[in-house]
N, C-alpha and C. Protein backbone atom coordinates (compact mmCIF):
# COMPACT_ATOMS: atom_id res chain seq x y z
N MET A 1 21.54 12.08 12.26
CA MET A 1 20.31 11.98 11.50
C MET A 1 19.31 11.14 12.29
N LYS A 2 18.11 11.65 12.41
CA LYS A 2 17.06 10.94 13.13
C LYS A 2 16.29 10.04 12.16
N LEU A 3 16.23 8.74 12.47
CA LEU A 3 15.55 7.76 11.63
C LEU A 3 14.33 7.20 12.33
N ARG A 4 13.32 6.83 11.55
CA ARG A 4 12.12 6.19 12.08
C ARG A 4 11.74 5.05 11.15
N ILE A 5 11.33 3.92 11.71
CA ILE A 5 10.88 2.76 10.94
C ILE A 5 9.39 2.56 11.19
N GLY A 6 8.67 2.19 10.14
CA GLY A 6 7.25 1.87 10.28
C GLY A 6 6.91 0.60 9.54
N HIS A 7 5.96 -0.13 10.07
CA HIS A 7 5.47 -1.36 9.43
C HIS A 7 3.97 -1.24 9.26
N GLY A 8 3.48 -1.71 8.11
CA GLY A 8 2.04 -1.70 7.87
C GLY A 8 1.57 -3.02 7.31
N PHE A 9 0.31 -3.33 7.57
CA PHE A 9 -0.31 -4.55 7.08
C PHE A 9 -1.73 -4.22 6.66
N ASP A 10 -2.19 -4.86 5.58
CA ASP A 10 -3.58 -4.72 5.19
C ASP A 10 -4.03 -6.01 4.50
N ALA A 11 -5.31 -6.29 4.58
CA ALA A 11 -5.88 -7.46 3.93
C ALA A 11 -7.29 -7.12 3.46
N HIS A 12 -7.68 -7.71 2.35
CA HIS A 12 -9.03 -7.52 1.81
C HIS A 12 -9.54 -8.83 1.22
N ARG A 13 -10.85 -8.96 1.24
CA ARG A 13 -11.48 -10.08 0.54
C ARG A 13 -11.48 -9.78 -0.96
N ILE A 14 -11.51 -10.85 -1.77
CA ILE A 14 -11.62 -10.69 -3.21
C ILE A 14 -12.76 -11.56 -3.73
N GLU A 15 -13.25 -11.22 -4.92
CA GLU A 15 -14.29 -11.99 -5.57
C GLU A 15 -14.15 -11.81 -7.07
N ALA A 16 -14.96 -12.54 -7.83
CA ALA A 16 -14.94 -12.40 -9.28
C ALA A 16 -15.22 -10.96 -9.66
N GLY A 17 -14.48 -10.48 -10.64
CA GLY A 17 -14.65 -9.10 -11.07
C GLY A 17 -13.86 -8.81 -12.33
N GLU A 18 -13.56 -7.54 -12.52
CA GLU A 18 -12.91 -7.13 -13.77
C GLU A 18 -11.61 -6.38 -13.55
N GLY A 19 -10.91 -6.65 -12.47
CA GLY A 19 -9.62 -6.01 -12.27
C GLY A 19 -9.44 -5.47 -10.87
N VAL A 20 -8.18 -5.25 -10.51
CA VAL A 20 -7.83 -4.76 -9.18
C VAL A 20 -6.85 -3.60 -9.31
N HIS A 21 -6.78 -2.81 -8.24
CA HIS A 21 -5.74 -1.79 -8.11
C HIS A 21 -4.79 -2.27 -7.03
N LEU A 22 -3.52 -2.40 -7.38
CA LEU A 22 -2.49 -2.79 -6.42
C LEU A 22 -1.23 -2.00 -6.70
N GLY A 23 -0.65 -1.45 -5.66
CA GLY A 23 0.57 -0.66 -5.82
C GLY A 23 0.37 0.55 -6.71
N GLY A 24 -0.86 1.05 -6.77
CA GLY A 24 -1.17 2.21 -7.58
C GLY A 24 -1.35 1.91 -9.06
N VAL A 25 -1.40 0.63 -9.42
CA VAL A 25 -1.50 0.21 -10.82
C VAL A 25 -2.77 -0.61 -11.01
N HIS A 26 -3.49 -0.35 -12.09
CA HIS A 26 -4.67 -1.17 -12.41
C HIS A 26 -4.19 -2.44 -13.10
N ILE A 27 -4.65 -3.58 -12.60
CA ILE A 27 -4.30 -4.87 -13.16
C ILE A 27 -5.57 -5.52 -13.69
N PRO A 28 -5.70 -5.63 -15.01
CA PRO A 28 -6.86 -6.31 -15.57
C PRO A 28 -6.79 -7.80 -15.23
N CYS A 29 -7.85 -8.32 -14.66
CA CYS A 29 -7.87 -9.73 -14.28
C CYS A 29 -9.31 -10.12 -13.97
N ALA A 30 -9.52 -11.36 -13.60
CA ALA A 30 -10.88 -11.86 -13.33
C ALA A 30 -11.29 -11.68 -11.87
N TRP A 31 -10.67 -10.75 -11.16
CA TRP A 31 -10.94 -10.55 -9.73
C TRP A 31 -11.21 -9.08 -9.46
N ARG A 32 -11.82 -8.84 -8.31
CA ARG A 32 -11.96 -7.48 -7.78
C ARG A 32 -11.78 -7.54 -6.28
N ILE A 33 -11.33 -6.43 -5.71
CA ILE A 33 -11.11 -6.34 -4.28
C ILE A 33 -12.37 -5.76 -3.63
N ILE A 34 -12.83 -6.38 -2.58
CA ILE A 34 -14.00 -5.91 -1.85
C ILE A 34 -13.51 -4.94 -0.77
N ALA A 35 -13.89 -3.67 -0.92
CA ALA A 35 -13.40 -2.65 0.01
C ALA A 35 -14.25 -1.39 -0.11
N HIS A 36 -14.14 -0.52 0.89
CA HIS A 36 -14.84 0.76 0.87
C HIS A 36 -14.18 1.69 -0.15
N SER A 37 -12.85 1.69 -0.18
CA SER A 37 -12.10 2.49 -1.16
C SER A 37 -11.87 1.62 -2.39
N ASP A 38 -10.80 1.91 -3.15
CA ASP A 38 -10.46 1.04 -4.29
C ASP A 38 -9.82 -0.27 -3.83
N GLY A 39 -9.51 -0.39 -2.54
CA GLY A 39 -9.02 -1.64 -1.97
C GLY A 39 -7.57 -1.95 -2.23
N ASP A 40 -6.77 -0.95 -2.58
CA ASP A 40 -5.35 -1.18 -2.88
C ASP A 40 -4.61 -1.53 -1.58
N ALA A 41 -4.58 -2.83 -1.28
CA ALA A 41 -3.99 -3.29 -0.02
C ALA A 41 -2.52 -2.91 0.11
N MET A 42 -1.81 -2.83 -1.00
CA MET A 42 -0.39 -2.46 -0.93
C MET A 42 -0.23 -1.01 -0.49
N ILE A 43 -1.02 -0.12 -1.06
CA ILE A 43 -0.94 1.29 -0.64
C ILE A 43 -1.47 1.46 0.76
N HIS A 44 -2.49 0.70 1.14
CA HIS A 44 -3.02 0.81 2.51
C HIS A 44 -1.95 0.38 3.52
N ALA A 45 -1.23 -0.70 3.24
CA ALA A 45 -0.14 -1.14 4.12
C ALA A 45 0.95 -0.08 4.16
N LEU A 46 1.27 0.51 3.01
CA LEU A 46 2.28 1.56 2.95
C LEU A 46 1.86 2.77 3.77
N CYS A 47 0.61 3.18 3.65
CA CYS A 47 0.11 4.31 4.45
C CYS A 47 0.24 4.02 5.93
N ASP A 48 -0.13 2.82 6.36
CA ASP A 48 -0.02 2.47 7.77
C ASP A 48 1.44 2.46 8.23
N ALA A 49 2.35 2.00 7.37
CA ALA A 49 3.78 2.02 7.72
C ALA A 49 4.26 3.45 7.89
N LEU A 50 3.89 4.33 6.98
CA LEU A 50 4.30 5.73 7.06
C LEU A 50 3.72 6.40 8.29
N LEU A 51 2.44 6.18 8.54
CA LEU A 51 1.80 6.77 9.72
C LEU A 51 2.42 6.21 11.00
N GLY A 52 2.71 4.91 11.01
CA GLY A 52 3.34 4.31 12.18
C GLY A 52 4.70 4.93 12.47
N ALA A 53 5.47 5.20 11.42
CA ALA A 53 6.81 5.76 11.61
C ALA A 53 6.77 7.16 12.21
N ILE A 54 5.72 7.93 11.94
CA ILE A 54 5.63 9.27 12.51
C ILE A 54 4.72 9.33 13.73
N GLY A 55 4.23 8.17 14.18
CA GLY A 55 3.33 8.14 15.33
C GLY A 55 1.99 8.76 15.00
N GLY A 56 1.53 8.57 13.75
CA GLY A 56 0.32 9.23 13.28
C GLY A 56 -0.91 8.36 13.22
N GLY A 57 -0.93 7.27 13.98
CA GLY A 57 -2.12 6.41 14.00
C GLY A 57 -2.14 5.46 12.81
N ASP A 58 -3.34 5.30 12.22
CA ASP A 58 -3.49 4.38 11.09
C ASP A 58 -4.53 4.91 10.12
N ILE A 59 -4.60 4.29 8.94
CA ILE A 59 -5.51 4.81 7.91
C ILE A 59 -6.98 4.62 8.29
N GLY A 60 -7.27 3.62 9.12
CA GLY A 60 -8.65 3.43 9.56
C GLY A 60 -9.15 4.61 10.38
N LYS A 61 -8.25 5.20 11.16
CA LYS A 61 -8.62 6.38 11.95
C LYS A 61 -8.68 7.62 11.07
N LEU A 62 -7.72 7.74 10.16
CA LEU A 62 -7.61 8.92 9.30
C LEU A 62 -8.68 8.94 8.21
N PHE A 63 -8.96 7.77 7.62
CA PHE A 63 -9.91 7.66 6.51
C PHE A 63 -10.92 6.55 6.82
N PRO A 64 -11.82 6.75 7.78
CA PRO A 64 -12.73 5.67 8.21
C PRO A 64 -13.66 5.20 7.09
N ASP A 65 -13.93 3.89 7.11
CA ASP A 65 -14.83 3.34 6.08
C ASP A 65 -16.28 3.67 6.35
N THR A 66 -16.54 4.41 7.40
CA THR A 66 -17.89 4.90 7.69
C THR A 66 -18.13 6.28 7.08
N ASP A 67 -17.10 6.86 6.47
CA ASP A 67 -17.18 8.19 5.89
C ASP A 67 -17.40 8.08 4.38
N ALA A 68 -18.53 8.58 3.91
CA ALA A 68 -18.90 8.49 2.49
C ALA A 68 -17.90 9.19 1.58
N ARG A 69 -17.12 10.14 2.09
CA ARG A 69 -16.13 10.84 1.26
C ARG A 69 -15.07 9.89 0.70
N PHE A 70 -14.87 8.75 1.38
CA PHE A 70 -13.82 7.84 0.96
C PHE A 70 -14.34 6.63 0.18
N LYS A 71 -15.64 6.61 -0.11
CA LYS A 71 -16.24 5.52 -0.87
C LYS A 71 -15.64 5.49 -2.28
N GLY A 72 -14.99 4.38 -2.62
CA GLY A 72 -14.41 4.20 -3.94
C GLY A 72 -13.19 5.04 -4.25
N ILE A 73 -12.64 5.73 -3.25
CA ILE A 73 -11.53 6.66 -3.48
C ILE A 73 -10.28 5.94 -3.97
N ASP A 74 -9.55 6.59 -4.84
CA ASP A 74 -8.26 6.11 -5.32
C ASP A 74 -7.29 6.17 -4.14
N SER A 75 -6.70 5.05 -3.80
CA SER A 75 -5.81 4.98 -2.64
C SER A 75 -4.58 5.87 -2.78
N ARG A 76 -4.23 6.24 -4.00
CA ARG A 76 -3.12 7.17 -4.19
C ARG A 76 -3.45 8.53 -3.60
N ARG A 77 -4.72 8.90 -3.56
CA ARG A 77 -5.12 10.16 -2.91
C ARG A 77 -4.91 10.06 -1.40
N LEU A 78 -5.18 8.88 -0.84
CA LEU A 78 -4.93 8.68 0.59
C LEU A 78 -3.43 8.77 0.86
N LEU A 79 -2.63 8.15 0.00
CA LEU A 79 -1.18 8.18 0.15
C LEU A 79 -0.66 9.62 0.07
N ALA A 80 -1.22 10.43 -0.82
CA ALA A 80 -0.79 11.83 -0.94
C ALA A 80 -1.02 12.57 0.38
N GLU A 81 -2.16 12.34 1.02
CA GLU A 81 -2.43 12.99 2.31
C GLU A 81 -1.49 12.48 3.38
N VAL A 82 -1.22 11.18 3.39
CA VAL A 82 -0.29 10.62 4.37
C VAL A 82 1.11 11.22 4.16
N MET A 83 1.54 11.33 2.92
CA MET A 83 2.86 11.91 2.64
C MET A 83 2.91 13.38 3.05
N ARG A 84 1.81 14.09 2.92
CA ARG A 84 1.77 15.48 3.39
C ARG A 84 2.04 15.51 4.90
N ARG A 85 1.46 14.57 5.61
CA ARG A 85 1.66 14.50 7.06
C ARG A 85 3.09 14.09 7.42
N VAL A 86 3.67 13.20 6.62
CA VAL A 86 5.06 12.78 6.84
C VAL A 86 5.98 14.00 6.69
N ARG A 87 5.79 14.76 5.62
CA ARG A 87 6.61 15.96 5.40
C ARG A 87 6.37 17.00 6.49
N GLU A 88 5.11 17.16 6.89
CA GLU A 88 4.76 18.11 7.95
C GLU A 88 5.44 17.74 9.26
N ALA A 89 5.64 16.44 9.49
CA ALA A 89 6.32 15.97 10.70
C ALA A 89 7.84 16.12 10.58
N GLY A 90 8.32 16.56 9.41
CA GLY A 90 9.74 16.82 9.24
C GLY A 90 10.53 15.64 8.72
N TYR A 91 9.86 14.67 8.10
CA TYR A 91 10.55 13.47 7.62
C TYR A 91 10.39 13.30 6.11
N GLY A 92 11.30 12.51 5.56
CA GLY A 92 11.23 12.10 4.17
C GLY A 92 11.50 10.61 4.10
N VAL A 93 11.07 9.99 3.04
CA VAL A 93 11.24 8.54 2.86
C VAL A 93 12.68 8.25 2.42
N VAL A 94 13.31 7.30 3.12
CA VAL A 94 14.61 6.78 2.71
C VAL A 94 14.38 5.61 1.76
N ASN A 95 13.57 4.65 2.19
CA ASN A 95 13.21 3.53 1.33
C ASN A 95 11.92 2.88 1.81
N ALA A 96 11.32 2.11 0.91
CA ALA A 96 10.10 1.37 1.22
C ALA A 96 10.20 -0.02 0.60
N ASP A 97 9.74 -1.01 1.35
CA ASP A 97 9.75 -2.40 0.89
C ASP A 97 8.36 -2.97 1.10
N LEU A 98 7.72 -3.41 0.02
CA LEU A 98 6.35 -3.91 0.07
C LEU A 98 6.28 -5.36 -0.40
N THR A 99 5.43 -6.13 0.28
CA THR A 99 5.20 -7.53 -0.10
C THR A 99 3.71 -7.78 -0.21
N LEU A 100 3.29 -8.27 -1.38
CA LEU A 100 1.91 -8.70 -1.58
C LEU A 100 1.86 -10.21 -1.38
N ILE A 101 0.85 -10.68 -0.65
CA ILE A 101 0.62 -12.11 -0.47
C ILE A 101 -0.72 -12.42 -1.12
N ALA A 102 -0.67 -13.16 -2.25
CA ALA A 102 -1.89 -13.41 -3.01
C ALA A 102 -1.71 -14.61 -3.93
N GLN A 103 -2.72 -15.46 -4.02
CA GLN A 103 -2.73 -16.52 -5.04
C GLN A 103 -3.03 -15.91 -6.40
N VAL A 104 -3.97 -14.97 -6.40
CA VAL A 104 -4.38 -14.25 -7.61
C VAL A 104 -4.56 -12.79 -7.25
N PRO A 105 -4.37 -11.89 -8.18
CA PRO A 105 -3.88 -12.10 -9.53
C PRO A 105 -2.36 -12.22 -9.54
N ARG A 106 -1.82 -12.61 -10.67
CA ARG A 106 -0.38 -12.67 -10.84
C ARG A 106 0.11 -11.24 -11.07
N VAL A 107 1.00 -10.76 -10.21
CA VAL A 107 1.41 -9.36 -10.30
C VAL A 107 2.83 -9.15 -10.82
N SER A 108 3.61 -10.21 -10.98
CA SER A 108 5.00 -10.01 -11.38
C SER A 108 5.16 -9.18 -12.66
N PRO A 109 4.26 -9.27 -13.64
CA PRO A 109 4.42 -8.41 -14.82
C PRO A 109 4.19 -6.92 -14.52
N HIS A 110 3.68 -6.61 -13.33
CA HIS A 110 3.31 -5.24 -13.00
C HIS A 110 4.19 -4.61 -11.93
N THR A 111 5.13 -5.35 -11.38
CA THR A 111 5.91 -4.82 -10.25
C THR A 111 6.76 -3.61 -10.63
N GLN A 112 7.29 -3.57 -11.84
CA GLN A 112 8.08 -2.41 -12.25
C GLN A 112 7.21 -1.16 -12.29
N ALA A 113 6.02 -1.27 -12.87
CA ALA A 113 5.10 -0.13 -12.91
C ALA A 113 4.70 0.29 -11.50
N MET A 114 4.51 -0.68 -10.60
CA MET A 114 4.20 -0.35 -9.21
C MET A 114 5.34 0.43 -8.58
N ARG A 115 6.57 -0.02 -8.78
CA ARG A 115 7.73 0.67 -8.23
C ARG A 115 7.80 2.10 -8.74
N GLU A 116 7.60 2.28 -10.04
CA GLU A 116 7.64 3.62 -10.63
C GLU A 116 6.57 4.53 -10.04
N THR A 117 5.36 4.01 -9.94
CA THR A 117 4.24 4.79 -9.41
C THR A 117 4.47 5.16 -7.95
N LEU A 118 4.86 4.17 -7.14
CA LEU A 118 5.06 4.43 -5.72
C LEU A 118 6.25 5.34 -5.47
N ALA A 119 7.32 5.18 -6.23
CA ALA A 119 8.49 6.06 -6.08
C ALA A 119 8.08 7.51 -6.35
N ALA A 120 7.31 7.73 -7.40
CA ALA A 120 6.84 9.08 -7.70
C ALA A 120 5.98 9.63 -6.57
N ASP A 121 5.07 8.80 -6.05
CA ASP A 121 4.19 9.25 -4.97
C ASP A 121 4.94 9.52 -3.67
N LEU A 122 6.02 8.79 -3.44
CA LEU A 122 6.81 8.97 -2.22
C LEU A 122 7.89 10.04 -2.38
N GLY A 123 8.13 10.46 -3.61
CA GLY A 123 9.14 11.48 -3.87
C GLY A 123 10.56 10.95 -3.75
N VAL A 124 10.78 9.69 -4.14
CA VAL A 124 12.10 9.08 -4.07
C VAL A 124 12.46 8.45 -5.40
N ASP A 125 13.73 8.12 -5.56
CA ASP A 125 14.19 7.40 -6.73
C ASP A 125 13.61 5.99 -6.72
N ILE A 126 13.39 5.44 -7.90
CA ILE A 126 12.83 4.09 -8.00
C ILE A 126 13.68 3.05 -7.27
N ALA A 127 14.99 3.29 -7.18
CA ALA A 127 15.88 2.36 -6.48
C ALA A 127 15.55 2.26 -4.99
N CYS A 128 14.78 3.20 -4.49
CA CYS A 128 14.43 3.23 -3.06
C CYS A 128 13.12 2.52 -2.75
N VAL A 129 12.48 1.95 -3.77
CA VAL A 129 11.21 1.25 -3.58
C VAL A 129 11.35 -0.17 -4.10
N ASN A 130 11.01 -1.14 -3.26
CA ASN A 130 11.03 -2.53 -3.66
C ASN A 130 9.61 -3.10 -3.54
N VAL A 131 9.20 -3.85 -4.55
CA VAL A 131 7.89 -4.49 -4.55
C VAL A 131 8.09 -5.96 -4.90
N LYS A 132 7.52 -6.82 -4.08
CA LYS A 132 7.60 -8.25 -4.36
C LYS A 132 6.27 -8.90 -4.03
N ALA A 133 6.09 -10.09 -4.55
CA ALA A 133 4.84 -10.82 -4.31
C ALA A 133 5.15 -12.28 -4.09
N THR A 134 4.29 -12.90 -3.28
CA THR A 134 4.40 -14.33 -3.03
C THR A 134 3.00 -14.90 -2.93
N THR A 135 2.88 -16.18 -3.11
CA THR A 135 1.59 -16.84 -2.90
C THR A 135 1.54 -17.33 -1.46
N ASN A 136 0.45 -17.92 -1.10
CA ASN A 136 0.32 -18.53 0.23
C ASN A 136 0.34 -20.05 0.11
N GLU A 137 0.90 -20.52 -1.02
CA GLU A 137 1.06 -21.96 -1.28
C GLU A 137 -0.25 -22.73 -1.11
N GLY A 138 -1.36 -22.09 -1.49
CA GLY A 138 -2.65 -22.76 -1.44
C GLY A 138 -3.28 -22.87 -0.06
N MET A 139 -2.64 -22.28 0.96
CA MET A 139 -3.15 -22.41 2.33
C MET A 139 -4.04 -21.23 2.72
N GLY A 140 -5.02 -21.52 3.57
CA GLY A 140 -5.84 -20.49 4.18
C GLY A 140 -6.70 -19.71 3.19
N HIS A 141 -7.26 -18.58 3.69
CA HIS A 141 -8.17 -17.79 2.86
C HIS A 141 -7.47 -17.21 1.64
N ILE A 142 -6.19 -16.89 1.75
CA ILE A 142 -5.46 -16.38 0.60
C ILE A 142 -5.26 -17.51 -0.42
N GLY A 143 -4.86 -18.66 0.06
CA GLY A 143 -4.66 -19.81 -0.82
C GLY A 143 -5.93 -20.27 -1.51
N ARG A 144 -7.08 -20.08 -0.85
CA ARG A 144 -8.37 -20.45 -1.45
C ARG A 144 -8.91 -19.35 -2.37
N LYS A 145 -8.12 -18.32 -2.59
CA LYS A 145 -8.49 -17.19 -3.46
C LYS A 145 -9.69 -16.43 -2.91
N GLU A 146 -9.73 -16.29 -1.59
CA GLU A 146 -10.79 -15.53 -0.94
C GLU A 146 -10.31 -14.15 -0.51
N GLY A 147 -9.00 -13.92 -0.54
CA GLY A 147 -8.47 -12.64 -0.10
C GLY A 147 -7.02 -12.45 -0.50
N ILE A 148 -6.54 -11.25 -0.22
CA ILE A 148 -5.14 -10.88 -0.44
C ILE A 148 -4.66 -10.15 0.81
N ALA A 149 -3.36 -10.03 0.95
CA ALA A 149 -2.78 -9.28 2.07
C ALA A 149 -1.49 -8.61 1.60
N ALA A 150 -1.09 -7.58 2.32
CA ALA A 150 0.14 -6.88 1.99
C ALA A 150 0.82 -6.40 3.26
N HIS A 151 2.15 -6.41 3.22
CA HIS A 151 2.99 -5.83 4.27
C HIS A 151 3.83 -4.73 3.65
N ALA A 152 4.14 -3.72 4.43
CA ALA A 152 5.04 -2.65 3.99
C ALA A 152 5.92 -2.24 5.16
N VAL A 153 7.17 -1.97 4.86
CA VAL A 153 8.12 -1.45 5.82
C VAL A 153 8.74 -0.21 5.21
N VAL A 154 8.84 0.86 5.98
CA VAL A 154 9.47 2.09 5.50
C VAL A 154 10.52 2.58 6.49
N LEU A 155 11.51 3.24 5.94
CA LEU A 155 12.50 3.94 6.75
C LEU A 155 12.39 5.41 6.40
N LEU A 156 12.22 6.23 7.42
CA LEU A 156 12.14 7.69 7.23
C LEU A 156 13.35 8.34 7.88
N ALA A 157 13.76 9.45 7.32
CA ALA A 157 14.84 10.25 7.91
C ALA A 157 14.32 11.66 8.10
N GLN A 158 14.82 12.28 9.17
CA GLN A 158 14.45 13.67 9.43
C GLN A 158 14.97 14.52 8.29
N ALA A 159 14.11 15.35 7.73
CA ALA A 159 14.50 16.19 6.60
C ALA A 159 15.55 17.22 7.05
N ALA A 160 16.48 17.50 6.16
CA ALA A 160 17.50 18.51 6.46
C ALA A 160 16.87 19.90 6.47
N CYS A 161 17.40 20.78 7.30
CA CYS A 161 16.89 22.15 7.37
C CYS A 161 17.30 22.96 6.16
């Protein structure tokens, strides 16, 4: 069996607002993500991990922020296109592990919904998707509540004929 590993990272600034999209889930809170798309840093990191595993570049090249078609787009639509490319390359997701680094908002009440949403989008059982979050212990731009960041790691396997 041919395996491929990919890693992705994304970061966005945040400001006062009325909610964020993270892991494909809307979280009502006093913040918003500043981005060209909906700013879902977790899905953006996941897309980069998937693209990296198949040697497909990155989401900045595929969905540039200079293209008006992607203004405000739901990041799950970007993930759907990336997954189409993963399948086209002959691979399927074995598992995905995502980490959000953020002082705010608090996401632990939403991680199960994120896992369910991402598992459905990736076409895998929920047991194959892990979502976790940590703070930055008050340090740096994340600790000052100026931004968030996310990492994602995926393992792909060549699809059976």
